[in-house]
Amino acid sequence: MKSSRLLSILLLLQTRGRMTAAELARELEVSVRTVYRDAEALSAAGVPLYGDAGHSGGYQLLAGYRTRLTGLHAGEAEALFLTGMPGPAAQLGLGRALSAAQLKLRAALPPELRAQADRMRLRFHLDAPGWYAEHEETPYLAQVADAVWRGRVIDVRYRRWRAPQEVQRRLAPYGLVLKAGRWYLVAAPAGTPGPEGTREPDGTHDPEGAREAEGAREARTYRVDQILRVTETAGESELPEGFDLAAHWQRAQADFHARLHPEEAVVRLSARGAARLTGVQARALAATGEPDPELPGWTRATLPIESEARAEGQFLSLGADAEVLFPTALRDRVRSTVAAMAARYA
């Protein structure tokens, strides 16, 4: 603990220049007397540290005493500080470690690169979750992350969307993914769970559809906020040969989107209706859209849909700027709803 504190004093002085004992004490959350003792220890160890008395005094390192981080240009220094995400780091129990790492990095930078990094930190802030996303408690995130890091098999009590809603699973963790402010555990089934568990065929809450055969086991996705209890086992979890978490997640996302929209609809859209499409449907419009032969200025396109029930509400939300042409069953659903609405407002 003392050695870490001594290093922090050294880095603070190297980064900020002159600091009083009171300032150092507040920064390190120790007493002023402790700072005095630490300063004496640094001087005894040969660190060129000297202190000035008086109102404007304080501790300072001898000019030129500095460890430089070489090989970085301005853009790289800026990017390093831009990658710091204190929120996720704190959730993983690494908040203090991140702060210490940034302090060490900043202290090692030459003055000109330090100024560039400080400007980046002042002008850019990363906030991944969406505006309307509610904060989700993940009380077992740090424990799950520890199991991922140390490669330990875990027993989890898990809440899923279908009955039975609470199930027991024994999992071999492969990795953690942060997506839009929500944490996901990528893991494979690892044998029979504890005595209170059951073994339904499908225990995942699989919103991202992240299932993929990895050797003899299938990697699946579990929402960490749906984990109700975690118990570490004596089993070891090893990554399958060649497994790459980022590549797996990318493939799983593509599979999820393909399964999310298994059907198609042919739709006629006005310019305003076409402009209101987003995501996969906007991309489908760009790929399949053609001028409608019957209505000048309108576009006819084949769009992916999740189901007729979901598509009905979606196309109705476009009002008179969209007309479903096929399939006939979907067109009939929309027409029936429009007729009922007209009767209601008559």
Protein backbone atom coordinates (compact mmCIF):
# COMPACT_ATOMS: atom_id res chain seq x y z
CA MET A 1 0.00 0.00 0.00
CA LYS A 2 2.79 2.42 0.91
CA SER A 3 4.77 1.67 -2.25
CA SER A 4 1.67 2.37 -4.34
CA ARG A 5 1.12 5.64 -2.50
CA LEU A 6 4.74 6.70 -3.00
CA LEU A 7 4.42 6.04 -6.71
CA SER A 8 1.20 8.06 -6.80
CA ILE A 9 2.94 11.01 -5.13
CA LEU A 10 5.74 10.82 -7.67
CA LEU A 11 3.33 10.71 -10.60
CA LEU A 12 1.16 13.51 -9.24
CA LEU A 13 4.15 15.79 -8.84
CA GLN A 14 5.47 14.81 -12.24
CA THR A 15 2.10 15.58 -13.82
CA ARG A 16 0.94 18.65 -11.93
CA GLY A 17 4.18 20.26 -10.79
CA ARG A 18 4.27 21.88 -7.36
CA MET A 19 1.71 20.59 -4.83
CA THR A 20 1.31 21.33 -1.14
CA ALA A 21 1.21 18.59 1.48
CA ALA A 22 -2.47 19.38 2.07
CA GLU A 23 -3.25 18.99 -1.66
CA LEU A 24 -1.43 15.67 -1.81
CA ALA A 25 -3.21 14.49 1.34
CA ARG A 26 -6.62 15.29 -0.17
CA GLU A 27 -5.74 13.59 -3.43
CA LEU A 28 -4.47 10.43 -1.74
CA GLU A 29 -7.04 10.46 1.09
CA VAL A 30 -4.39 10.33 3.82
CA SER A 31 -3.24 12.68 6.56
CA VAL A 32 -0.76 15.53 6.02
CA ARG A 33 1.57 13.80 8.50
CA THR A 34 1.57 10.72 6.24
CA VAL A 35 2.52 12.89 3.25
CA TYR A 36 5.45 14.30 5.23
CA ARG A 37 6.70 10.79 6.03
CA ASP A 38 6.25 9.68 2.40
CA ALA A 39 8.17 12.70 1.14
CA GLU A 40 11.06 11.84 3.46
CA ALA A 41 10.98 8.24 2.20
CA LEU A 42 11.15 9.38 -1.43
CA SER A 43 14.08 11.69 -0.69
CA ALA A 44 15.90 8.90 1.17
CA ALA A 45 15.39 6.67 -1.89
CA GLY A 46 17.20 9.18 -4.09
CA VAL A 47 14.22 10.87 -5.73
CA PRO A 48 15.13 14.56 -6.33
CA LEU A 49 12.19 15.89 -4.32
CA TYR A 50 12.38 19.15 -2.44
CA GLY A 51 9.89 21.24 -0.52
CA ASP A 52 9.51 24.97 -0.02
CA ALA A 53 7.97 26.45 3.10
CA GLY A 54 5.55 29.34 3.15
CA HIS A 55 2.18 30.23 1.71
CA SER A 56 3.19 29.50 -1.89
CA GLY A 57 5.41 26.58 -1.03
CA GLY A 58 4.97 22.89 -1.61
CA TYR A 59 6.71 19.81 -2.90
CA GLN A 60 8.28 19.71 -6.32
CA LEU A 61 10.52 17.42 -8.35
CA LEU A 62 13.83 18.62 -9.66
CA ALA A 63 13.41 20.00 -13.18
CA GLY A 64 14.03 17.35 -15.82
CA TYR A 65 13.26 14.38 -13.58
CA ARG A 66 10.72 12.62 -15.76
CA THR A 67 9.99 9.26 -17.30
CA ARG A 68 8.87 9.72 -20.87
CA LEU A 69 6.61 7.45 -22.89
CA THR A 70 8.26 7.33 -26.30
CA GLY A 71 6.93 6.25 -29.66
CA LEU A 72 3.52 7.98 -29.40
CA HIS A 73 2.37 10.76 -31.69
CA ALA A 74 -0.43 13.22 -30.84
CA GLY A 75 -3.24 11.20 -32.40
CA GLU A 76 -2.25 8.06 -30.50
CA ALA A 77 -2.07 9.91 -27.19
CA GLU A 78 -5.53 11.38 -27.80
CA ALA A 79 -6.96 7.98 -28.72
CA LEU A 80 -5.62 6.38 -25.55
CA PHE A 81 -7.52 8.82 -23.36
CA LEU A 82 -10.62 8.58 -25.53
CA THR A 83 -10.80 4.84 -24.81
CA GLY A 84 -11.19 5.46 -21.09
CA MET A 85 -14.79 4.64 -20.08
CA PRO A 86 -15.07 5.19 -16.30
CA GLY A 87 -18.65 3.89 -16.10
CA PRO A 88 -18.03 0.37 -17.47
CA ALA A 89 -14.68 0.19 -15.66
CA ALA A 90 -16.36 0.99 -12.36
CA GLN A 91 -19.03 -1.65 -13.03
CA LEU A 92 -16.27 -4.22 -13.48
CA GLY A 93 -14.61 -3.12 -10.24
CA LEU A 94 -11.75 -1.46 -12.13
CA GLY A 95 -12.58 2.20 -11.57
CA ARG A 96 -9.57 2.94 -9.35
CA ALA A 97 -7.32 0.88 -11.58
CA LEU A 98 -8.40 2.89 -14.64
CA SER A 99 -7.77 6.18 -12.85
CA ALA A 100 -4.33 5.00 -11.75
CA ALA A 101 -3.47 3.81 -15.26
CA GLN A 102 -4.51 7.13 -16.79
CA LEU A 103 -2.50 8.99 -14.19
CA LYS A 104 0.60 6.93 -14.99
CA LEU A 105 0.12 7.36 -18.72
CA ARG A 106 -0.39 11.11 -18.44
CA ALA A 107 2.67 11.49 -16.23
CA ALA A 108 4.82 9.62 -18.75
CA LEU A 109 3.75 11.73 -21.73
CA PRO A 110 5.93 14.62 -22.93
CA PRO A 111 4.35 18.04 -22.23
CA GLU A 112 3.11 18.60 -25.78
CA LEU A 113 1.36 15.21 -25.96
CA ARG A 114 -0.05 15.68 -22.45
CA ALA A 115 -1.67 18.93 -23.60
CA GLN A 116 -3.22 17.12 -26.59
CA ALA A 117 -4.55 14.34 -24.35
CA ASP A 118 -5.97 16.83 -21.84
CA ARG A 119 -7.78 18.67 -24.64
CA MET A 120 -9.31 15.40 -25.84
CA ARG A 121 -10.50 14.53 -22.34
CA LEU A 122 -12.05 17.99 -21.90
CA ARG A 123 -13.87 18.03 -25.24
CA PHE A 124 -15.10 14.45 -25.66
CA HIS A 125 -17.14 12.24 -23.36
CA LEU A 126 -18.38 8.73 -24.17
CA ASP A 127 -21.85 7.77 -22.93
CA ALA A 128 -22.87 4.50 -24.56
CA PRO A 129 -26.46 3.82 -23.34
CA GLY A 130 -29.41 5.23 -25.27
CA TRP A 131 -31.48 8.15 -24.01
CA TYR A 132 -34.47 6.14 -22.89
CA ALA A 133 -32.65 3.10 -21.57
CA GLU A 134 -33.36 2.50 -17.91
CA HIS A 135 -30.47 1.80 -15.58
CA GLU A 136 -30.23 -1.94 -15.00
CA GLU A 137 -28.66 -3.28 -11.83
CA THR A 138 -25.96 -5.88 -12.44
CA PRO A 139 -24.98 -6.94 -8.91
CA TYR A 140 -23.05 -10.01 -10.11
CA LEU A 141 -21.10 -8.34 -12.92
CA ALA A 142 -17.82 -8.12 -11.00
CA GLN A 143 -18.10 -11.77 -9.91
CA VAL A 144 -18.88 -12.91 -13.45
CA ALA A 145 -16.00 -10.81 -14.80
CA ASP A 146 -13.65 -12.40 -12.29
CA ALA A 147 -14.71 -15.87 -13.45
CA VAL A 148 -14.17 -14.83 -17.07
CA TRP A 149 -10.72 -13.48 -16.29
CA ARG A 150 -9.59 -16.50 -14.26
CA GLY A 151 -11.27 -19.07 -16.50
CA ARG A 152 -13.56 -20.61 -13.86
CA VAL A 153 -16.79 -22.52 -14.47
CA ILE A 154 -19.77 -20.98 -12.67
CA ASP A 155 -23.23 -22.09 -11.57
CA VAL A 156 -25.82 -19.37 -12.15
CA ARG A 157 -29.44 -18.90 -11.26
CA TYR A 158 -30.89 -17.24 -14.35
CA ARG A 159 -34.14 -15.47 -15.21
CA ARG A 160 -35.37 -15.95 -18.77
CA TRP A 161 -38.39 -14.76 -20.73
CA ARG A 162 -40.35 -18.05 -20.94
CA ALA A 163 -41.51 -20.63 -18.41
CA PRO A 164 -39.95 -21.82 -16.25
CA GLN A 165 -38.60 -18.32 -15.83
CA GLU A 166 -35.91 -19.20 -13.29
CA VAL A 167 -33.44 -21.93 -14.22
CA GLN A 168 -30.06 -23.18 -13.04
CA ARG A 169 -27.14 -23.30 -15.45
CA ARG A 170 -23.52 -24.40 -15.25
CA LEU A 171 -21.51 -22.24 -17.64
CA ALA A 172 -18.01 -22.05 -19.04
CA PRO A 173 -17.48 -18.29 -19.53
CA TYR A 174 -15.86 -17.18 -22.78
CA GLY A 175 -16.11 -13.40 -22.45
CA LEU A 176 -18.12 -10.28 -21.62
CA VAL A 177 -19.56 -7.82 -24.13
CA LEU A 178 -20.94 -4.34 -23.44
CA LYS A 179 -23.63 -3.49 -26.01
CA ALA A 180 -25.62 -0.24 -25.81
CA GLY A 181 -25.06 0.03 -22.06
CA ARG A 182 -26.04 -3.58 -21.35
CA TRP A 183 -23.63 -6.36 -20.36
CA TYR A 184 -23.79 -9.80 -21.98
CA LEU A 185 -21.96 -12.97 -21.00
CA VAL A 186 -20.87 -15.24 -23.83
CA ALA A 187 -20.59 -18.75 -22.38
CA ALA A 188 -21.09 -22.41 -23.19
CA PRO A 189 -23.00 -25.04 -21.19
CA ALA A 190 -20.55 -26.90 -18.95
CA GLY A 191 -22.32 -30.03 -17.76
CA THR A 192 -24.92 -30.64 -15.10
CA PRO A 193 -25.61 -27.72 -12.73
CA GLY A 194 -25.94 -27.90 -8.97
CA PRO A 195 -28.52 -30.07 -7.16
CA GLU A 196 -31.27 -27.43 -7.16
CA GLY A 197 -31.04 -26.91 -10.92
CA THR A 198 -32.99 -28.30 -13.83
CA ARG A 199 -31.87 -28.84 -17.39
CA GLU A 200 -34.29 -27.44 -19.90
CA PRO A 201 -33.19 -27.69 -23.53
CA ASP A 202 -32.80 -23.94 -23.89
CA GLY A 203 -31.86 -21.82 -20.90
CA THR A 204 -30.59 -18.69 -22.54
CA HIS A 205 -32.24 -15.34 -22.64
CA ASP A 206 -30.91 -14.87 -26.13
CA PRO A 207 -31.84 -11.32 -27.23
CA GLU A 208 -28.83 -10.99 -29.47
CA GLY A 209 -29.20 -14.48 -30.92
CA ALA A 210 -25.56 -15.15 -30.15
CA ARG A 211 -25.42 -18.90 -30.59
CA GLU A 212 -22.67 -20.53 -32.47
CA ALA A 213 -20.99 -23.92 -32.47
CA GLU A 214 -17.49 -23.58 -31.07
CA GLY A 215 -15.92 -27.01 -31.25
CA ALA A 216 -18.03 -29.45 -29.26
CA ARG A 217 -19.85 -26.74 -27.30
CA GLU A 218 -22.25 -24.02 -28.34
CA ALA A 219 -21.52 -20.45 -27.34
CA ARG A 220 -24.64 -18.65 -26.12
CA THR A 221 -25.46 -15.20 -24.85
CA TYR A 222 -26.76 -14.42 -21.35
CA ARG A 223 -27.82 -11.01 -20.08
CA VAL A 224 -25.81 -10.32 -16.94
CA ASP A 225 -28.61 -8.26 -15.38
CA GLN A 226 -30.81 -11.39 -15.50
CA ILE A 227 -28.38 -13.42 -13.38
CA LEU A 228 -29.90 -13.89 -9.92
CA ARG A 229 -27.06 -15.75 -8.22
CA VAL A 230 -23.50 -16.88 -9.05
CA THR A 231 -21.46 -19.66 -7.48
CA GLU A 232 -17.96 -20.41 -8.63
CA THR A 233 -17.04 -24.08 -9.08
CA ALA A 234 -13.73 -25.92 -9.09
CA GLY A 235 -13.99 -26.47 -12.84
CA GLU A 236 -11.76 -24.66 -15.30
CA SER A 237 -13.03 -22.95 -18.42
CA GLU A 238 -10.78 -22.87 -21.46
CA LEU A 239 -11.47 -20.99 -24.65
CA PRO A 240 -11.93 -23.21 -27.72
CA GLU A 241 -8.93 -23.11 -30.00
CA GLY A 242 -9.12 -20.14 -32.33
CA PHE A 243 -12.07 -18.54 -30.52
CA ASP A 244 -12.16 -14.76 -30.99
CA LEU A 245 -14.74 -12.90 -28.92
CA ALA A 246 -15.07 -9.87 -31.21
CA ALA A 247 -15.41 -12.02 -34.33
CA HIS A 248 -17.90 -14.31 -32.60
CA TRP A 249 -20.02 -11.36 -31.50
CA GLN A 250 -20.02 -9.89 -35.00
CA ARG A 251 -21.18 -13.19 -36.50
CA ALA A 252 -23.78 -13.60 -33.76
CA GLN A 253 -25.14 -10.12 -34.44
CA ALA A 254 -25.48 -10.90 -38.14
CA ASP A 255 -27.29 -14.15 -37.29
CA PHE A 256 -29.57 -12.34 -34.87
CA HIS A 257 -30.62 -9.75 -37.45
CA ALA A 258 -31.19 -12.46 -40.05
CA ARG A 259 -33.48 -14.35 -37.65
CA LEU A 260 -35.14 -11.16 -36.44
CA HIS A 261 -36.63 -10.40 -39.87
CA PRO A 262 -37.43 -13.79 -41.45
CA GLU A 263 -40.27 -12.49 -43.68
CA GLU A 264 -40.64 -9.84 -46.37
CA ALA A 265 -43.23 -7.31 -47.51
CA VAL A 266 -43.53 -5.34 -50.73
CA VAL A 267 -44.37 -1.75 -49.83
CA ARG A 268 -45.07 1.46 -51.73
CA LEU A 269 -43.62 4.56 -50.02
CA SER A 270 -43.79 8.30 -50.52
CA ALA A 271 -40.60 10.29 -50.21
CA ARG A 272 -41.54 11.24 -46.65
CA GLY A 273 -42.37 7.64 -45.74
CA ALA A 274 -39.09 6.38 -47.20
CA ALA A 275 -37.16 8.98 -45.18
CA ARG A 276 -38.70 7.67 -41.96
CA LEU A 277 -37.34 4.14 -42.37
CA THR A 278 -34.32 3.24 -40.24
CA GLY A 279 -31.89 0.40 -39.66
CA VAL A 280 -32.22 -2.80 -41.66
CA GLN A 281 -35.30 -1.54 -43.51
CA ALA A 282 -33.54 1.63 -44.63
CA ARG A 283 -30.72 -0.52 -45.97
CA ALA A 284 -33.21 -2.79 -47.72
CA LEU A 285 -34.88 0.26 -49.26
CA ALA A 286 -31.55 1.43 -50.65
CA ALA A 287 -30.87 -2.03 -52.08
CA THR A 288 -34.31 -2.89 -53.54
CA GLY A 289 -36.10 0.44 -53.99
CA GLU A 290 -37.28 1.36 -57.49
CA PRO A 291 -39.60 4.09 -58.82
CA ASP A 292 -43.18 2.93 -58.51
CA PRO A 293 -44.72 2.49 -61.99
CA GLU A 294 -48.18 3.59 -60.84
CA LEU A 295 -47.47 6.55 -58.56
CA PRO A 296 -44.87 9.10 -59.74
CA GLY A 297 -42.56 10.20 -56.94
CA TRP A 298 -43.23 7.06 -54.90
CA THR A 299 -40.85 4.11 -54.35
CA ARG A 300 -41.62 0.41 -54.35
CA ALA A 301 -39.33 -1.79 -52.24
CA THR A 302 -39.10 -5.21 -50.64
CA LEU A 303 -38.55 -4.79 -46.90
CA PRO A 304 -37.72 -7.40 -44.24
CA ILE A 305 -40.27 -7.78 -41.46
CA GLU A 306 -40.27 -9.63 -38.16
CA SER A 307 -43.90 -10.81 -38.41
CA GLU A 308 -47.19 -9.67 -39.91
CA ALA A 309 -48.44 -8.50 -36.52
CA ARG A 310 -45.35 -6.34 -35.89
CA ALA A 311 -45.27 -5.09 -39.47
CA GLU A 312 -48.90 -4.00 -39.29
CA GLY A 313 -48.20 -1.54 -36.50
CA GLN A 314 -45.00 -0.36 -38.12
CA PHE A 315 -46.55 0.44 -41.50
CA LEU A 316 -49.63 1.98 -39.90
CA SER A 317 -47.31 4.36 -38.07
CA LEU A 318 -46.28 5.76 -41.47
CA GLY A 319 -49.90 6.75 -42.11
CA ALA A 320 -50.77 7.70 -45.69
CA ASP A 321 -47.11 7.66 -46.69
CA ALA A 322 -47.01 3.85 -47.00
CA GLU A 323 -49.11 1.19 -48.71
CA VAL A 324 -48.57 -2.55 -48.22
CA LEU A 325 -48.90 -4.43 -51.51
CA PHE A 326 -47.82 -7.95 -50.54
CA PRO A 327 -48.31 -10.32 -48.80
CA THR A 328 -52.06 -10.21 -49.16
CA ALA A 329 -52.67 -11.28 -45.56
CA LEU A 330 -50.67 -8.31 -44.25
CA ARG A 331 -52.42 -5.93 -46.63
CA ASP A 332 -55.80 -7.23 -45.41
CA ARG A 333 -54.76 -6.72 -41.77
CA VAL A 334 -53.79 -3.11 -42.42
CA ARG A 335 -56.95 -2.44 -44.43
CA SER A 336 -59.15 -3.93 -41.68
CA THR A 337 -57.49 -1.81 -39.02
CA VAL A 338 -57.77 1.35 -41.12
CA ALA A 339 -61.49 0.63 -41.70
CA ALA A 340 -62.05 0.14 -37.97
CA MET A 341 -60.25 3.41 -37.23
CA ALA A 342 -62.33 5.26 -39.83
CA ALA A 343 -65.52 3.91 -38.27
CA ARG A 344 -64.30 4.92 -34.83
CA TYR A 345 -63.66 8.50 -35.92
CA ALA A 346 -66.74 8.82 -38.15
